[in-house]
Each structure stands twice: as C-alpha cells, then as structure tokens.
PDB file of all heavy atoms in Angstrom:
ATOM      1  N   LYS A   1      48.880  50.366  89.040  1.00  0.00           N
ATOM      2  CA  LYS A   1      48.122  50.950  90.145  1.00  0.00           C
ATOM      3  C   LYS A   1      49.038  51.714  91.078  1.00  0.00           C
ATOM      4  O   LYS A   1      48.724  52.820  91.521  1.00  0.00           O
ATOM      5  CB  LYS A   1      47.401  49.853  90.938  1.00  0.00           C
ATOM      6  CG  LYS A   1      46.162  49.326  90.287  1.00  0.00           C
ATOM      7  CD  LYS A   1      45.529  48.252  91.135  1.00  0.00           C
ATOM      8  CE  LYS A   1      44.402  47.565  90.422  1.00  0.00           C
ATOM      9  NZ  LYS A   1      43.862  46.432  91.200  1.00  0.00           N
ATOM     10  N   ARG A   2      50.189  51.142  91.372  1.00  0.00           N
ATOM     11  CA  ARG A   2      51.144  51.801  92.256  1.00  0.00           C
ATOM     12  C   ARG A   2      51.699  53.074  91.617  1.00  0.00           C
ATOM     13  O   ARG A   2      51.835  54.096  92.275  1.00  0.00           O
ATOM     14  CB  ARG A   2      52.273  50.824  92.586  1.00  0.00           C
ATOM     15  CG  ARG A   2      53.276  51.389  93.495  1.00  0.00           C
ATOM     16  CD  ARG A   2      53.576  50.741  94.775  1.00  0.00           C
ATOM     17  NE  ARG A   2      52.800  49.687  95.302  1.00  0.00           N
ATOM     18  CZ  ARG A   2      53.325  48.653  95.934  1.00  0.00           C
ATOM     19  NH1 ARG A   2      54.624  48.533  96.024  1.00  0.00           N
ATOM     20  NH2 ARG A   2      52.560  47.750  96.472  1.00  0.00           N
ATOM     21  N   LYS A   3      51.998  53.026  90.311  1.00  0.00           N
ATOM     22  CA  LYS A   3      52.506  54.224  89.631  1.00  0.00           C
ATOM     23  C   LYS A   3      51.464  55.333  89.615  1.00  0.00           C
ATOM     24  O   LYS A   3      51.783  56.500  89.832  1.00  0.00           O
ATOM     25  CB  LYS A   3      52.921  53.899  88.197  1.00  0.00           C
ATOM     26  CG  LYS A   3      54.280  53.305  88.075  1.00  0.00           C
ATOM     27  CD  LYS A   3      54.712  53.252  86.633  1.00  0.00           C
ATOM     28  CE  LYS A   3      56.144  52.797  86.569  1.00  0.00           C
ATOM     29  NZ  LYS A   3      56.723  52.982  85.257  1.00  0.00           N
ATOM     30  N   LEU A   4      50.212  54.983  89.325  1.00  0.00           N
ATOM     31  CA  LEU A   4      49.150  55.986  89.318  1.00  0.00           C
ATOM     32  C   LEU A   4      48.911  56.551  90.716  1.00  0.00           C
ATOM     33  O   LEU A   4      48.633  57.745  90.873  1.00  0.00           O
ATOM     34  CB  LEU A   4      47.872  55.399  88.741  1.00  0.00           C
ATOM     35  CG  LEU A   4      47.906  55.098  87.242  1.00  0.00           C
ATOM     36  CD1 LEU A   4      46.642  54.368  86.811  1.00  0.00           C
ATOM     37  CD2 LEU A   4      48.091  56.368  86.444  1.00  0.00           C
ATOM     38  N   GLN A   5      49.021  55.696  91.723  1.00  0.00           N
ATOM     39  CA  GLN A   5      48.863  56.170  93.095  1.00  0.00           C
ATOM     40  C   GLN A   5      49.973  57.156  93.448  1.00  0.00           C
ATOM     41  O   GLN A   5      49.720  58.199  94.051  1.00  0.00           O
ATOM     42  CB  GLN A   5      48.890  54.991  94.067  1.00  0.00           C
ATOM     43  CG  GLN A   5      48.779  55.399  95.514  1.00  0.00           C
ATOM     44  CD  GLN A   5      48.975  54.232  96.454  1.00  0.00           C
ATOM     45  OE1 GLN A   5      49.218  53.104  96.022  1.00  0.00           O
ATOM     46  NE2 GLN A   5      48.859  54.483  97.732  1.00  0.00           N
ATOM     47  N   PHE A   6      51.196  56.853  93.059  1.00  0.00           N
ATOM     48  CA  PHE A   6      52.306  57.755  93.339  1.00  0.00           C
ATOM     49  C   PHE A   6      52.179  59.055  92.544  1.00  0.00           C
ATOM     50  O   PHE A   6      52.544  60.120  93.026  1.00  0.00           O
ATOM     51  CB  PHE A   6      53.643  57.095  93.037  1.00  0.00           C
ATOM     52  CG  PHE A   6      54.031  56.025  94.012  1.00  0.00           C
ATOM     53  CD1 PHE A   6      54.794  54.957  93.611  1.00  0.00           C
ATOM     54  CD2 PHE A   6      53.640  56.080  95.341  1.00  0.00           C
ATOM     55  CE1 PHE A   6      55.158  53.965  94.503  1.00  0.00           C
ATOM     56  CE2 PHE A   6      53.992  55.100  96.231  1.00  0.00           C
ATOM     57  CZ  PHE A   6      54.757  54.039  95.820  1.00  0.00           C
ATOM     58  N   ALA A   7      51.678  58.963  91.319  1.00  0.00           N
ATOM     59  CA  ALA A   7      51.586  60.146  90.476  1.00  0.00           C
ATOM     60  C   ALA A   7      50.458  61.078  90.905  1.00  0.00           C
ATOM     61  O   ALA A   7      50.617  62.297  90.903  1.00  0.00           O
ATOM     62  CB  ALA A   7      51.397  59.733  89.022  1.00  0.00           C
ATOM     63  N   PHE A   8      49.304  60.519  91.269  1.00  0.00           N
ATOM     64  CA  PHE A   8      48.134  61.350  91.535  1.00  0.00           C
ATOM     65  C   PHE A   8      47.615  61.270  92.968  1.00  0.00           C
ATOM     66  O   PHE A   8      46.868  62.142  93.397  1.00  0.00           O
ATOM     67  CB  PHE A   8      47.000  60.976  90.576  1.00  0.00           C
ATOM     68  CG  PHE A   8      47.380  61.123  89.141  1.00  0.00           C
ATOM     69  CD1 PHE A   8      47.529  60.007  88.333  1.00  0.00           C
ATOM     70  CD2 PHE A   8      47.609  62.368  88.594  1.00  0.00           C
ATOM     71  CE1 PHE A   8      47.881  60.134  87.002  1.00  0.00           C
ATOM     72  CE2 PHE A   8      47.965  62.507  87.269  1.00  0.00           C
ATOM     73  CZ  PHE A   8      48.096  61.391  86.470  1.00  0.00           C
ATOM     74  N   GLY A   9      47.976  60.230  93.697  1.00  0.00           N
ATOM     75  CA  GLY A   9      47.406  60.036  95.032  1.00  0.00           C
ATOM     76  C   GLY A   9      48.165  60.709  96.159  1.00  0.00           C
ATOM     77  O   GLY A   9      47.616  60.944  97.225  1.00  0.00           O
ATOM     78  N   ASN A  10      49.419  61.032  95.936  1.00  0.00           N
ATOM     79  CA  ASN A  10      50.212  61.653  96.992  1.00  0.00           C
ATOM     80  C   ASN A  10      49.866  63.122  97.114  1.00  0.00           C
ATOM     81  O   ASN A  10      49.722  63.819  96.124  1.00  0.00           O
ATOM     82  CB  ASN A  10      51.707  61.507  96.701  1.00  0.00           C
ATOM     83  CG  ASN A  10      52.165  60.081  96.837  1.00  0.00           C
ATOM     84  OD1 ASN A  10      51.524  59.283  97.485  1.00  0.00           O
ATOM     85  ND2 ASN A  10      53.283  59.770  96.228  1.00  0.00           N
ATOM     86  N   ARG A  11      49.777  63.587  98.328  1.00  0.00           N
ATOM     87  CA  ARG A  11      49.552  65.011  98.522  1.00  0.00           C
ATOM     88  C   ARG A  11      50.907  65.704  98.526  1.00  0.00           C
ATOM     89  O   ARG A  11      51.911  65.127  98.943  1.00  0.00           O
ATOM     90  CB  ARG A  11      48.796  65.275  99.803  1.00  0.00           C
ATOM     91  CG  ARG A  11      49.481  64.768 101.049  1.00  0.00           C
ATOM     92  CD  ARG A  11      48.630  65.033 102.289  1.00  0.00           C
ATOM     93  NE  ARG A  11      49.255  64.444 103.450  1.00  0.00           N
ATOM     94  CZ  ARG A  11      50.188  65.036 104.175  1.00  0.00           C
ATOM     95  NH1 ARG A  11      50.588  66.245 103.875  1.00  0.00           N
ATOM     96  NH2 ARG A  11      50.707  64.433 105.227  1.00  0.00           N
ATOM     97  N   PRO A  12      50.957  66.937  98.080  1.00  0.00           N
ATOM     98  CA  PRO A  12      52.242  67.637  98.047  1.00  0.00           C
ATOM     99  C   PRO A  12      52.730  67.951  99.454  1.00  0.00           C
ATOM    100  O   PRO A  12      51.940  68.294 100.336  1.00  0.00           O
ATOM    101  CB  PRO A  12      51.951  68.904  97.257  1.00  0.00           C
ATOM    102  CG  PRO A  12      50.486  69.092  97.341  1.00  0.00           C
ATOM    103  CD  PRO A  12      49.884  67.737  97.508  1.00  0.00           C
ATOM    104  N   LEU A  13      54.018  67.814  99.645  1.00  0.00           N
ATOM    105  CA  LEU A  13      54.614  68.133 100.931  1.00  0.00           C
ATOM    106  C   LEU A  13      54.972  69.613 100.957  1.00  0.00           C
ATOM    107  O   LEU A  13      55.513  70.148  99.999  1.00  0.00           O
ATOM    108  CB  LEU A  13      55.862  67.278 101.155  1.00  0.00           C
ATOM    109  CG  LEU A  13      55.639  65.772 101.169  1.00  0.00           C
ATOM    110  CD1 LEU A  13      56.973  65.057 101.304  1.00  0.00           C
ATOM    111  CD2 LEU A  13      54.729  65.386 102.314  1.00  0.00           C
ATOM    112  N   THR A  14      54.659  70.264 102.060  1.00  0.00           N
ATOM    113  CA  THR A  14      54.979  71.680 102.186  1.00  0.00           C
ATOM    114  C   THR A  14      56.002  71.858 103.293  1.00  0.00           C
ATOM    115  O   THR A  14      56.022  71.111 104.276  1.00  0.00           O
ATOM    116  CB  THR A  14      53.730  72.500 102.514  1.00  0.00           C
ATOM    117  OG1 THR A  14      53.127  71.983 103.698  1.00  0.00           O
ATOM    118  CG2 THR A  14      52.722  72.429 101.381  1.00  0.00           C
ATOM    119  N   TYR A  15      56.842  72.835 103.110  1.00  0.00           N
ATOM    120  CA  TYR A  15      57.876  73.132 104.094  1.00  0.00           C
ATOM    121  C   TYR A  15      57.523  74.437 104.788  1.00  0.00           C
ATOM    122  O   TYR A  15      57.292  75.460 104.146  1.00  0.00           O
ATOM    123  CB  TYR A  15      59.244  73.255 103.418  1.00  0.00           C
ATOM    124  CG  TYR A  15      60.326  73.730 104.348  1.00  0.00           C
ATOM    125  CD1 TYR A  15      60.855  72.890 105.303  1.00  0.00           C
ATOM    126  CD2 TYR A  15      60.805  75.031 104.274  1.00  0.00           C
ATOM    127  CE1 TYR A  15      61.832  73.324 106.170  1.00  0.00           C
ATOM    128  CE2 TYR A  15      61.789  75.475 105.136  1.00  0.00           C
ATOM    129  CZ  TYR A  15      62.295  74.617 106.079  1.00  0.00           C
ATOM    130  OH  TYR A  15      63.264  75.042 106.935  1.00  0.00           O
ATOM    131  N   LEU A  16      57.465  74.386 106.097  1.00  0.00           N
ATOM    132  CA  LEU A  16      57.245  75.584 106.886  1.00  0.00           C
ATOM    133  C   LEU A  16      58.513  75.857 107.662  1.00  0.00           C
ATOM    134  O   LEU A  16      58.980  75.026 108.439  1.00  0.00           O
ATOM    135  CB  LEU A  16      56.061  75.394 107.844  1.00  0.00           C
ATOM    136  CG  LEU A  16      54.711  75.145 107.179  1.00  0.00           C
ATOM    137  CD1 LEU A  16      53.649  74.848 108.226  1.00  0.00           C
ATOM    138  CD2 LEU A  16      54.302  76.344 106.361  1.00  0.00           C
ATOM    139  N   SER A  17      59.067  77.028 107.471  1.00  0.00           N
ATOM    140  CA  SER A  17      60.315  77.383 108.115  1.00  0.00           C
ATOM    141  C   SER A  17      60.081  77.672 109.594  1.00  0.00           C
ATOM    142  O   SER A  17      59.069  78.281 109.982  1.00  0.00           O
ATOM    143  CB  SER A  17      60.913  78.618 107.442  1.00  0.00           C
ATOM    144  OG  SER A  17      62.067  79.020 108.121  1.00  0.00           O
ATOM    145  N   THR A  18      60.991  77.237 110.412  1.00  0.00           N
ATOM    146  CA  THR A  18      60.905  77.522 111.848  1.00  0.00           C
ATOM    147  C   THR A  18      61.619  78.825 112.176  1.00  0.00           C
ATOM    148  O   THR A  18      61.547  79.294 113.302  1.00  0.00           O
ATOM    149  CB  THR A  18      61.528  76.379 112.660  1.00  0.00           C
ATOM    150  OG1 THR A  18      62.884  76.205 112.235  1.00  0.00           O
ATOM    151  CG2 THR A  18      60.751  75.093 112.452  1.00  0.00           C
ATOM    152  N   GLU A  19      62.285  79.386 111.207  1.00  0.00           N
ATOM    153  CA  GLU A  19      62.995  80.639 111.414  1.00  0.00           C
ATOM    154  C   GLU A  19      62.173  81.796 110.868  1.00  0.00           C
ATOM    155  O   GLU A  19      61.521  81.682 109.847  1.00  0.00           O
ATOM    156  CB  GLU A  19      64.337  80.603 110.686  1.00  0.00           C
ATOM    157  CG  GLU A  19      65.238  79.491 111.152  1.00  0.00           C
ATOM    158  CD  GLU A  19      66.483  79.382 110.286  1.00  0.00           C
ATOM    159  OE1 GLU A  19      66.523  80.012 109.224  1.00  0.00           O
ATOM    160  OE2 GLU A  19      67.400  78.677 110.695  1.00  0.00           O
ATOM    161  N   GLY A  20      62.252  82.919 111.543  1.00  0.00           N
ATOM    162  CA  GLY A  20      61.582  84.109 111.065  1.00  0.00           C
ATOM    163  C   GLY A  20      62.556  84.970 110.276  1.00  0.00           C
ATOM    164  O   GLY A  20      63.739  84.659 110.139  1.00  0.00           O
ATOM    165  N   GLU A  21      62.055  86.081 109.766  1.00  0.00           N
ATOM    166  CA  GLU A  21      62.913  86.971 108.979  1.00  0.00           C
ATOM    167  C   GLU A  21      64.024  87.573 109.824  1.00  0.00           C
ATOM    168  O   GLU A  21      65.132  87.797 109.347  1.00  0.00           O
ATOM    169  CB  GLU A  21      62.071  88.077 108.354  1.00  0.00           C
ATOM    170  CG  GLU A  21      61.237  87.609 107.186  1.00  0.00           C
ATOM    171  CD  GLU A  21      60.524  88.764 106.517  1.00  0.00           C
ATOM    172  OE1 GLU A  21      61.145  89.835 106.357  1.00  0.00           O
ATOM    173  OE2 GLU A  21      59.366  88.575 106.161  1.00  0.00           O
ATOM    174  N   ALA A  22      63.729  87.829 111.090  1.00  0.00           N
ATOM    175  CA  ALA A  22      64.733  88.451 111.961  1.00  0.00           C
ATOM    176  C   ALA A  22      65.943  87.528 112.133  1.00  0.00           C
ATOM    177  O   ALA A  22      67.097  87.990 112.067  1.00  0.00           O
ATOM    178  CB  ALA A  22      64.115  88.774 113.316  1.00  0.00           C
ATOM    179  N   GLU A  23      65.719  86.244 112.340  1.00  0.00           N
ATOM    180  CA  GLU A  23      66.823  85.297 112.511  1.00  0.00           C
ATOM    181  C   GLU A  23      67.640  85.160 111.228  1.00  0.00           C
ATOM    182  O   GLU A  23      68.870  85.056 111.257  1.00  0.00           O
ATOM    183  CB  GLU A  23      66.315  83.922 112.946  1.00  0.00           C
ATOM    184  CG  GLU A  23      65.833  83.847 114.380  1.00  0.00           C
ATOM    185  CD  GLU A  23      64.376  84.255 114.517  1.00  0.00           C
ATOM    186  OE1 GLU A  23      63.730  84.495 113.475  1.00  0.00           O
ATOM    187  OE2 GLU A  23      63.904  84.351 115.651  1.00  0.00           O
ATOM    188  N   ILE A  24      66.973  85.177 110.092  1.00  0.00           N
ATOM    189  CA  ILE A  24      67.678  85.060 108.814  1.00  0.00           C
ATOM    190  C   ILE A  24      68.555  86.290 108.583  1.00  0.00           C
ATOM    191  O   ILE A  24      69.717  86.177 108.199  1.00  0.00           O
ATOM    192  CB  ILE A  24      66.672  84.865 107.653  1.00  0.00           C
ATOM    193  CG1 ILE A  24      65.981  83.512 107.795  1.00  0.00           C
ATOM    194  CG2 ILE A  24      67.372  84.973 106.300  1.00  0.00           C
ATOM    195  CD1 ILE A  24      64.853  83.291 106.827  1.00  0.00           C
ATOM    196  N   MET A  25      68.014  87.476 108.845  1.00  0.00           N
ATOM    197  CA  MET A  25      68.791  88.706 108.679  1.00  0.00           C
ATOM    198  C   MET A  25      69.977  88.728 109.635  1.00  0.00           C
ATOM    199  O   MET A  25      71.080  89.153 109.276  1.00  0.00           O
ATOM    200  CB  MET A  25      67.900  89.934 108.899  1.00  0.00           C
ATOM    201  CG  MET A  25      66.795  90.066 107.864  1.00  0.00           C
ATOM    202  SD  MET A  25      67.410  90.188 106.184  1.00  0.00           S
ATOM    203  CE  MET A  25      67.916  91.874 106.163  1.00  0.00           C
ATOM    204  N   GLN A  26      69.769  88.243 110.853  1.00  0.00           N
ATOM    205  CA  GLN A  26      70.853  88.205 111.839  1.00  0.00           C
ATOM    206  C   GLN A  26      71.960  87.255 111.393  1.00  0.00           C
ATOM    207  O   GLN A  26      73.144  87.575 111.488  1.00  0.00           O
ATOM    208  CB  GLN A  26      70.312  87.778 113.205  1.00  0.00           C
ATOM    209  CG  GLN A  26      71.355  87.755 114.293  1.00  0.00           C
ATOM    210  CD  GLN A  26      70.771  87.267 115.609  1.00  0.00           C
ATOM    211  OE1 GLN A  26      69.600  86.944 115.701  1.00  0.00           O
ATOM    212  NE2 GLN A  26      71.600  87.223 116.633  1.00  0.00           N
ATOM    213  N   SER A  27      71.607  86.077 110.883  1.00  0.00           N
ATOM    214  CA  SER A  27      72.632  85.123 110.437  1.00  0.00           C
ATOM    215  C   SER A  27      73.395  85.668 109.237  1.00  0.00           C
ATOM    216  O   SER A  27      74.605  85.473 109.121  1.00  0.00           O
ATOM    217  CB  SER A  27      72.009  83.766 110.121  1.00  0.00           C
ATOM    218  OG  SER A  27      71.179  83.860 108.992  1.00  0.00           O
ATOM    219  N   ARG A  28      72.700  86.384 108.328  1.00  0.00           N
ATOM    220  CA  ARG A  28      73.389  86.993 107.187  1.00  0.00           C
ATOM    221  C   ARG A  28      74.363  88.080 107.648  1.00  0.00           C
ATOM    222  O   ARG A  28      75.457  88.206 107.103  1.00  0.00           O
ATOM    223  CB  ARG A  28      72.382  87.574 106.201  1.00  0.00           C
ATOM    224  CG  ARG A  28      71.662  86.510 105.415  1.00  0.00           C
ATOM    225  CD  ARG A  28      70.731  87.108 104.400  1.00  0.00           C
ATOM    226  NE  ARG A  28      70.020  86.065 103.679  1.00  0.00           N
ATOM    227  CZ  ARG A  28      68.957  86.284 102.936  1.00  0.00           C
ATOM    228  NH1 ARG A  28      68.478  87.499 102.803  1.00  0.00           N
ATOM    229  NH2 ARG A  28      68.365  85.277 102.318  1.00  0.00           N
ATOM    230  N   ALA A  29      73.948  88.851 108.646  1.00  0.00           N
ATOM    231  CA  ALA A  29      74.830  89.896 109.178  1.00  0.00           C
ATOM    232  C   ALA A  29      76.060  89.275 109.833  1.00  0.00           C
ATOM    233  O   ALA A  29      77.185  89.781 109.682  1.00  0.00           O
ATOM    234  CB  ALA A  29      74.071  90.771 110.169  1.00  0.00           C
ATOM    235  N   GLU A  30      75.862  88.177 110.536  1.00  0.00           N
ATOM    236  CA  GLU A  30      76.993  87.483 111.166  1.00  0.00           C
ATOM    237  C   GLU A  30      77.951  86.935 110.108  1.00  0.00           C
ATOM    238  O   GLU A  30      79.169  87.017 110.259  1.00  0.00           O
ATOM    239  CB  GLU A  30      76.491  86.348 112.058  1.00  0.00           C
ATOM    240  CG  GLU A  30      75.837  86.814 113.331  1.00  0.00           C
ATOM    241  CD  GLU A  30      75.228  85.662 114.121  1.00  0.00           C
ATOM    242  OE1 GLU A  30      75.366  84.486 113.693  1.00  0.00           O
ATOM    243  OE2 GLU A  30      74.623  85.930 115.165  1.00  0.00           O
ATOM    244  N   GLU A  31      77.409  86.369 109.031  1.00  0.00           N
ATOM    245  CA  GLU A  31      78.259  85.866 107.954  1.00  0.00           C
ATOM    246  C   GLU A  31      79.054  86.990 107.306  1.00  0.00           C
ATOM    247  O   GLU A  31      80.243  86.845 107.016  1.00  0.00           O
ATOM    248  CB  GLU A  31      77.410  85.156 106.894  1.00  0.00           C
ATOM    249  CG  GLU A  31      76.869  83.815 107.322  1.00  0.00           C
ATOM    250  CD  GLU A  31      75.940  83.215 106.278  1.00  0.00           C
ATOM    251  OE1 GLU A  31      75.830  83.775 105.163  1.00  0.00           O
ATOM    252  OE2 GLU A  31      75.333  82.177 106.571  1.00  0.00           O
ATOM    253  N   ALA A  32      78.407  88.133 107.101  1.00  0.00           N
ATOM    254  CA  ALA A  32      79.105  89.277 106.503  1.00  0.00           C
ATOM    255  C   ALA A  32      80.204  89.781 107.431  1.00  0.00           C
ATOM    256  O   ALA A  32      81.301  90.127 106.990  1.00  0.00           O
ATOM    257  CB  ALA A  32      78.113  90.389 106.186  1.00  0.00           C
ATOM    258  N   ALA A  33      79.922  89.803 108.747  1.00  0.00           N
ATOM    259  CA  ALA A  33      80.929  90.244 109.712  1.00  0.00           C
ATOM    260  C   ALA A  33      82.105  89.275 109.741  1.00  0.00           C
ATOM    261  O   ALA A  33      83.268  89.698 109.833  1.00  0.00           O
ATOM    262  CB  ALA A  33      80.303  90.366 111.101  1.00  0.00           C
ATOM    263  N   ASN A  34      81.825  87.988 109.653  1.00  0.00           N
ATOM    264  CA  ASN A  34      82.899  86.989 109.629  1.00  0.00           C
ATOM    265  C   ASN A  34      83.770  87.139 108.386  1.00  0.00           C
ATOM    266  O   ASN A  34      84.993  87.013 108.455  1.00  0.00           O
ATOM    267  CB  ASN A  34      82.331  85.575 109.694  1.00  0.00           C
ATOM    268  CG  ASN A  34      81.797  85.215 111.058  1.00  0.00           C
ATOM    269  OD1 ASN A  34      82.158  85.841 112.057  1.00  0.00           O
ATOM    270  ND2 ASN A  34      80.927  84.228 111.110  1.00  0.00           N
ATOM    271  N   LYS A  35      83.161  87.420 107.252  1.00  0.00           N
ATOM    272  CA  LYS A  35      83.928  87.610 106.021  1.00  0.00           C
ATOM    273  C   LYS A  35      84.817  88.845 106.120  1.00  0.00           C
ATOM    274  O   LYS A  35      85.968  88.834 105.700  1.00  0.00           O
ATOM    275  CB  LYS A  35      82.990  87.730 104.813  1.00  0.00           C
ATOM    276  CG  LYS A  35      82.377  86.427 104.390  1.00  0.00           C
ATOM    277  CD  LYS A  35      81.496  86.612 103.168  1.00  0.00           C
ATOM    278  CE  LYS A  35      80.829  85.300 102.798  1.00  0.00           C
ATOM    279  NZ  LYS A  35      79.960  85.466 101.634  1.00  0.00           N
ATOM    280  N   LYS A  36      84.275  89.950 106.708  1.00  0.00           N
ATOM    281  CA  LYS A  36      85.074  91.160 106.879  1.00  0.00           C
ATOM    282  C   LYS A  36      86.243  90.908 107.825  1.00  0.00           C
ATOM    283  O   LYS A  36      87.355  91.362 107.590  1.00  0.00           O
ATOM    284  CB  LYS A  36      84.213  92.300 107.433  1.00  0.00           C
ATOM    285  CG  LYS A  36      83.393  93.008 106.415  1.00  0.00           C
ATOM    286  CD  LYS A  36      82.696  94.193 107.033  1.00  0.00           C
ATOM    287  CE  LYS A  36      81.863  94.932 106.016  1.00  0.00           C
ATOM    288  NZ  LYS A  36      81.180  96.076 106.626  1.00  0.00           N
ATOM    289  N   GLY A  37      85.979  90.161 108.915  1.00  0.00           N
ATOM    290  CA  GLY A  37      87.034  89.860 109.879  1.00  0.00           C
ATOM    291  C   GLY A  37      88.132  89.020 109.256  1.00  0.00           C
ATOM    292  O   GLY A  37      89.322  89.255 109.489  1.00  0.00           O
ATOM    293  N   LYS A  38      87.787  88.063 108.449  1.00  0.00           N
ATOM    294  CA  LYS A  38      88.782  87.218 107.783  1.00  0.00           C
ATOM    295  C   LYS A  38      89.588  88.040 106.784  1.00  0.00           C
ATOM    296  O   LYS A  38      90.789  87.868 106.653  1.00  0.00           O
ATOM    297  CB  LYS A  38      88.106  86.043 107.074  1.00  0.00           C
ATOM    298  CG  LYS A  38      87.572  84.999 108.027  1.00  0.00           C
ATOM    299  CD  LYS A  38      86.927  83.861 107.270  1.00  0.00           C
ATOM    300  CE  LYS A  38      86.375  82.822 108.232  1.00  0.00           C
ATOM    301  NZ  LYS A  38      85.722  81.735 107.533  1.00  0.00           N
ATOM    302  N   LYS A  39      88.916  88.974 106.094  1.00  0.00           N
ATOM    303  CA  LYS A  39      89.611  89.800 105.113  1.00  0.00           C
ATOM    304  C   LYS A  39      90.601  90.727 105.807  1.00  0.00           C
ATOM    305  O   LYS A  39      91.728  90.920 105.356  1.00  0.00           O
ATOM    306  CB  LYS A  39      88.581  90.604 104.303  1.00  0.00           C
ATOM    307  CG  LYS A  39      89.170  91.341 103.146  1.00  0.00           C
ATOM    308  CD  LYS A  39      88.086  92.013 102.333  1.00  0.00           C
ATOM    309  CE  LYS A  39      88.697  92.718 101.143  1.00  0.00           C
ATOM    310  NZ  LYS A  39      87.694  93.398 100.337  1.00  0.00           N
ATOM    311  N   LYS A  40      90.218  91.311 106.962  1.00  0.00           N
ATOM    312  CA  LYS A  40      91.109  92.188 107.724  1.00  0.00           C
ATOM    313  C   LYS A  40      92.322  91.412 108.246  1.00  0.00           C
ATOM    314  O   LYS A  40      93.438  91.918 108.218  1.00  0.00           O
ATOM    315  CB  LYS A  40      90.386  92.851 108.890  1.00  0.00           C
ATOM    316  CG  LYS A  40      89.451  93.950 108.466  1.00  0.00           C
ATOM    317  CD  LYS A  40      88.794  94.569 109.657  1.00  0.00           C
ATOM    318  CE  LYS A  40      87.830  95.668 109.235  1.00  0.00           C
ATOM    319  NZ  LYS A  40      87.150  96.280 110.369  1.00  0.00           N
ATOM    320  N   ASN A  41      92.093  90.180 108.713  1.00  0.00           N
ATOM    321  CA  ASN A  41      93.198  89.354 109.209  1.00  0.00           C
ATOM    322  C   ASN A  41      94.193  89.041 108.089  1.00  0.00           C
ATOM    323  O   ASN A  41      95.396  89.033 108.309  1.00  0.00           O
ATOM    324  CB  ASN A  41      92.683  88.059 109.817  1.00  0.00           C
ATOM    325  CG  ASN A  41      92.019  88.275 111.164  1.00  0.00           C
ATOM    326  OD1 ASN A  41      92.290  89.272 111.825  1.00  0.00           O
ATOM    327  ND2 ASN A  41      91.162  87.358 111.558  1.00  0.00           N
ATOM    328  N   ARG A  42      93.706  88.793 106.881  1.00  0.00           N
ATOM    329  CA  ARG A  42      94.596  88.530 105.749  1.00  0.00           C
ATOM    330  C   ARG A  42      95.396  89.777 105.390  1.00  0.00           C
ATOM    331  O   ARG A  42      96.574  89.692 105.083  1.00  0.00           O
ATOM    332  CB  ARG A  42      93.778  88.084 104.520  1.00  0.00           C
ATOM    333  CG  ARG A  42      93.487  86.604 104.530  1.00  0.00           C
ATOM    334  CD  ARG A  42      92.965  86.181 103.176  1.00  0.00           C
ATOM    335  NE  ARG A  42      91.548  85.838 103.364  1.00  0.00           N
ATOM    336  CZ  ARG A  42      90.591  85.995 102.495  1.00  0.00           C
ATOM    337  NH1 ARG A  42      90.848  86.506 101.330  1.00  0.00           N
ATOM    338  NH2 ARG A  42      89.369  85.650 102.768  1.00  0.00           N
ATOM    339  N   ASP A  43      94.743  90.946 105.433  1.00  0.00           N
ATOM    340  CA  ASP A  43      95.437  92.209 105.112  1.00  0.00           C
ATOM    341  C   ASP A  43      96.527  92.495 106.133  1.00  0.00           C
ATOM    342  O   ASP A  43      97.605  92.998 105.808  1.00  0.00           O
ATOM    343  CB  ASP A  43      94.445  93.367 105.039  1.00  0.00           C
ATOM    344  CG  ASP A  43      93.509  93.256 103.840  1.00  0.00           C
ATOM    345  OD1 ASP A  43      93.852  92.489 102.907  1.00  0.00           O
ATOM    346  OD2 ASP A  43      92.437  93.894 103.860  1.00  0.00           O
TER     347      ASP A  43
END
C-alpha cells in the first residue's frame, strides 16, 4: 500500500524560478567579465 501510494499518489513537484531572464543574463555577463579579467591578469 505504501509503495503504491508513493508511486501513484504523490503529486509531481514543480519548480518555479524566482529569477527572471534579465537576472540570469546579468549573472552570465558578470561571469564572462570575471573570466576575461582573470585571463588579462594572467597575461
């Protein structure tokens, strides 16, 4: 009964992001800038 309940009785969990596309693009740009800065410092 417990196995069947776990297999069929649970509802699927959904993930809703608290970040929008603008924040994601900004963080990617910051990461790219950090990588360029580290590369320039090594050069």
